[in-house]
Amino acid sequence: MLSVGAFLPQAWRIYQRRSAADVSLLMYLSIIVGCVMWMFYAYVRDSMELFFTNLVIAVIAGGIVALKLRYGGR
């Protein structure tokens, strides 16, 4: 639960301040790629728990990427 929810404070902070100037786009893109790789592994191993955990993390990280592009520029 903590691993999944760890990104929510960052997303909320960006949304509140309408600024993502200090957020690393590359870091969150790397997290998304890593989650997709874990999801593939979970699919091959038939581990739905691992798959959905990484899916949620990827969605939250994707939301942060969207906020970065909207409020933080490049």
N, C-alpha and C. Protein backbone atom coordinates (compact mmCIF):
# COMPACT_ATOMS: atom_id res chain seq x y z
N MET A 1 0.82 -1.19 0.00
CA MET A 1 0.00 0.00 0.00
C MET A 1 0.87 1.27 0.00
N LEU A 2 1.95 1.22 0.76
CA LEU A 2 2.81 2.40 0.82
C LEU A 2 3.52 2.65 -0.51
N SER A 3 3.93 1.59 -1.18
CA SER A 3 4.60 1.76 -2.48
C SER A 3 3.66 2.35 -3.51
N VAL A 4 2.42 1.94 -3.47
CA VAL A 4 1.43 2.46 -4.42
C VAL A 4 1.10 3.91 -4.10
N GLY A 5 0.90 4.19 -2.84
CA GLY A 5 0.49 5.54 -2.43
C GLY A 5 1.62 6.54 -2.32
N ALA A 6 2.84 6.10 -2.48
CA ALA A 6 3.99 6.98 -2.29
C ALA A 6 4.01 8.16 -3.26
N PHE A 7 3.42 8.00 -4.42
CA PHE A 7 3.46 9.06 -5.43
C PHE A 7 2.29 10.05 -5.31
N LEU A 8 1.29 9.70 -4.54
CA LEU A 8 0.12 10.57 -4.43
C LEU A 8 0.44 11.94 -3.81
N PRO A 9 1.26 12.03 -2.76
CA PRO A 9 1.58 13.37 -2.25
C PRO A 9 2.24 14.28 -3.29
N GLN A 10 3.11 13.70 -4.13
CA GLN A 10 3.76 14.50 -5.17
C GLN A 10 2.73 15.02 -6.17
N ALA A 11 1.82 14.14 -6.59
CA ALA A 11 0.78 14.55 -7.53
C ALA A 11 -0.09 15.64 -6.93
N TRP A 12 -0.46 15.49 -5.67
CA TRP A 12 -1.30 16.48 -5.01
C TRP A 12 -0.57 17.82 -4.90
N ARG A 13 0.71 17.77 -4.57
CA ARG A 13 1.51 19.00 -4.43
C ARG A 13 1.60 19.75 -5.76
N ILE A 14 1.82 19.03 -6.84
CA ILE A 14 1.89 19.66 -8.16
C ILE A 14 0.55 20.30 -8.49
N TYR A 15 -0.52 19.58 -8.24
CA TYR A 15 -1.86 20.09 -8.55
C TYR A 15 -2.18 21.33 -7.71
N GLN A 16 -1.84 21.27 -6.42
CA GLN A 16 -2.11 22.40 -5.53
C GLN A 16 -1.37 23.65 -5.95
N ARG A 17 -0.10 23.52 -6.22
CA ARG A 17 0.75 24.67 -6.55
C ARG A 17 0.68 25.08 -8.02
N ARG A 18 0.13 24.20 -8.85
CA ARG A 18 0.10 24.43 -10.30
C ARG A 18 1.51 24.65 -10.85
N SER A 19 2.47 23.93 -10.24
CA SER A 19 3.85 24.04 -10.67
C SER A 19 4.54 22.69 -10.50
N ALA A 20 5.29 22.31 -11.51
CA ALA A 20 6.06 21.07 -11.45
C ALA A 20 7.49 21.33 -11.88
N ALA A 21 7.96 22.52 -11.61
CA ALA A 21 9.28 22.93 -12.07
C ALA A 21 10.39 22.05 -11.50
N ASP A 22 10.23 21.57 -10.27
CA ASP A 22 11.28 20.79 -9.63
C ASP A 22 11.11 19.28 -9.78
N VAL A 23 10.16 18.85 -10.58
CA VAL A 23 9.88 17.43 -10.76
C VAL A 23 10.64 16.92 -11.98
N SER A 24 11.29 15.78 -11.80
CA SER A 24 12.07 15.19 -12.89
C SER A 24 11.18 14.36 -13.80
N LEU A 25 11.02 14.80 -15.03
CA LEU A 25 10.22 14.07 -16.02
C LEU A 25 10.85 12.72 -16.31
N LEU A 26 12.17 12.69 -16.45
CA LEU A 26 12.87 11.45 -16.77
C LEU A 26 12.66 10.39 -15.68
N MET A 27 12.64 10.81 -14.42
CA MET A 27 12.44 9.86 -13.34
C MET A 27 11.08 9.18 -13.45
N TYR A 28 10.04 9.95 -13.68
CA TYR A 28 8.70 9.37 -13.75
C TYR A 28 8.50 8.55 -15.02
N LEU A 29 9.13 8.94 -16.11
CA LEU A 29 9.08 8.11 -17.31
C LEU A 29 9.79 6.78 -17.08
N SER A 30 10.90 6.82 -16.33
CA SER A 30 11.62 5.59 -15.99
C SER A 30 10.77 4.69 -15.11
N ILE A 31 10.05 5.27 -14.18
CA ILE A 31 9.16 4.48 -13.31
C ILE A 31 8.08 3.80 -14.15
N ILE A 32 7.51 4.52 -15.10
CA ILE A 32 6.48 3.94 -15.96
C ILE A 32 7.04 2.78 -16.77
N VAL A 33 8.21 2.96 -17.35
CA VAL A 33 8.83 1.88 -18.13
C VAL A 33 9.10 0.68 -17.23
N GLY A 34 9.62 0.91 -16.04
CA GLY A 34 9.87 -0.17 -15.10
C GLY A 34 8.59 -0.91 -14.73
N CYS A 35 7.51 -0.16 -14.52
CA CYS A 35 6.22 -0.78 -14.19
C CYS A 35 5.70 -1.63 -15.35
N VAL A 36 5.86 -1.14 -16.56
CA VAL A 36 5.42 -1.92 -17.73
C VAL A 36 6.22 -3.22 -17.81
N MET A 37 7.51 -3.15 -17.53
CA MET A 37 8.32 -4.36 -17.55
C MET A 37 7.88 -5.34 -16.46
N TRP A 38 7.58 -4.83 -15.25
CA TRP A 38 7.07 -5.68 -14.18
C TRP A 38 5.71 -6.26 -14.54
N MET A 39 4.89 -5.48 -15.22
CA MET A 39 3.57 -5.98 -15.63
C MET A 39 3.72 -7.12 -16.63
N PHE A 40 4.68 -7.01 -17.54
CA PHE A 40 4.93 -8.10 -18.48
C PHE A 40 5.37 -9.35 -17.73
N TYR A 41 6.30 -9.18 -16.79
CA TYR A 41 6.78 -10.31 -15.99
C TYR A 41 5.62 -10.93 -15.20
N ALA A 42 4.78 -10.09 -14.61
CA ALA A 42 3.64 -10.59 -13.83
C ALA A 42 2.67 -11.35 -14.73
N TYR A 43 2.48 -10.87 -15.94
CA TYR A 43 1.60 -11.56 -16.89
C TYR A 43 2.14 -12.94 -17.24
N VAL A 44 3.45 -12.99 -17.51
CA VAL A 44 4.09 -14.27 -17.86
C VAL A 44 4.01 -15.24 -16.69
N ARG A 45 4.18 -14.73 -15.48
CA ARG A 45 4.15 -15.56 -14.28
C ARG A 45 2.74 -15.76 -13.72
N ASP A 46 1.76 -15.17 -14.37
CA ASP A 46 0.36 -15.28 -13.96
C ASP A 46 0.15 -14.77 -12.53
N SER A 47 0.73 -13.61 -12.25
CA SER A 47 0.62 -12.99 -10.94
C SER A 47 -0.20 -11.71 -11.07
N MET A 48 -1.50 -11.83 -10.91
CA MET A 48 -2.38 -10.69 -11.07
C MET A 48 -2.16 -9.62 -10.01
N GLU A 49 -1.77 -10.02 -8.81
CA GLU A 49 -1.51 -9.05 -7.75
C GLU A 49 -0.36 -8.12 -8.15
N LEU A 50 0.73 -8.71 -8.62
CA LEU A 50 1.88 -7.93 -9.06
C LEU A 50 1.53 -7.08 -10.27
N PHE A 51 0.75 -7.63 -11.17
CA PHE A 51 0.33 -6.89 -12.36
C PHE A 51 -0.47 -5.65 -11.99
N PHE A 52 -1.49 -5.81 -11.16
CA PHE A 52 -2.35 -4.68 -10.83
C PHE A 52 -1.67 -3.65 -9.94
N THR A 53 -0.78 -4.11 -9.07
CA THR A 53 -0.01 -3.16 -8.25
C THR A 53 0.80 -2.24 -9.15
N ASN A 54 1.50 -2.81 -10.11
CA ASN A 54 2.32 -2.00 -11.02
C ASN A 54 1.47 -1.18 -11.98
N LEU A 55 0.29 -1.67 -12.32
CA LEU A 55 -0.62 -0.89 -13.15
C LEU A 55 -1.05 0.38 -12.43
N VAL A 56 -1.39 0.26 -11.16
CA VAL A 56 -1.80 1.44 -10.38
C VAL A 56 -0.63 2.41 -10.25
N ILE A 57 0.55 1.91 -9.97
CA ILE A 57 1.73 2.79 -9.86
C ILE A 57 1.98 3.50 -11.20
N ALA A 58 1.87 2.77 -12.31
CA ALA A 58 2.09 3.37 -13.63
C ALA A 58 1.05 4.45 -13.93
N VAL A 59 -0.19 4.21 -13.54
CA VAL A 59 -1.25 5.21 -13.77
C VAL A 59 -0.97 6.47 -12.96
N ILE A 60 -0.60 6.32 -11.70
CA ILE A 60 -0.29 7.49 -10.87
C ILE A 60 0.93 8.23 -11.43
N ALA A 61 1.98 7.49 -11.80
CA ALA A 61 3.17 8.12 -12.38
C ALA A 61 2.81 8.80 -13.70
N GLY A 62 1.93 8.19 -14.48
CA GLY A 62 1.47 8.81 -15.72
C GLY A 62 0.72 10.11 -15.46
N GLY A 63 -0.05 10.13 -14.38
CA GLY A 63 -0.73 11.37 -13.98
C GLY A 63 0.26 12.46 -13.62
N ILE A 64 1.33 12.09 -12.94
CA ILE A 64 2.35 13.07 -12.58
C ILE A 64 3.05 13.57 -13.84
N VAL A 65 3.31 12.69 -14.80
CA VAL A 65 3.90 13.12 -16.08
C VAL A 65 2.96 14.11 -16.77
N ALA A 66 1.67 13.82 -16.77
CA ALA A 66 0.70 14.73 -17.39
C ALA A 66 0.70 16.09 -16.68
N LEU A 67 0.75 16.07 -15.35
CA LEU A 67 0.80 17.33 -14.60
C LEU A 67 2.10 18.09 -14.87
N LYS A 68 3.20 17.35 -15.00
CA LYS A 68 4.49 17.99 -15.32
C LYS A 68 4.43 18.67 -16.68
N LEU A 69 3.85 17.99 -17.64
CA LEU A 69 3.75 18.58 -18.98
C LEU A 69 2.80 19.78 -19.00
N ARG A 70 1.79 19.73 -18.16
CA ARG A 70 0.83 20.83 -18.14
C ARG A 70 1.35 22.03 -17.34
N TYR A 71 1.93 21.78 -16.16
CA TYR A 71 2.29 22.87 -15.27
C TYR A 71 3.79 23.13 -15.18
N GLY A 72 4.62 22.21 -15.64
CA GLY A 72 6.04 22.37 -15.41
C GLY A 72 6.86 22.66 -16.63
N GLY A 73 6.23 22.64 -17.78
CA GLY A 73 7.01 22.85 -18.99
C GLY A 73 7.94 21.70 -19.27
N ARG A 74 9.07 21.97 -19.83
CA ARG A 74 10.01 20.91 -20.16
C ARG A 74 10.99 20.69 -19.09
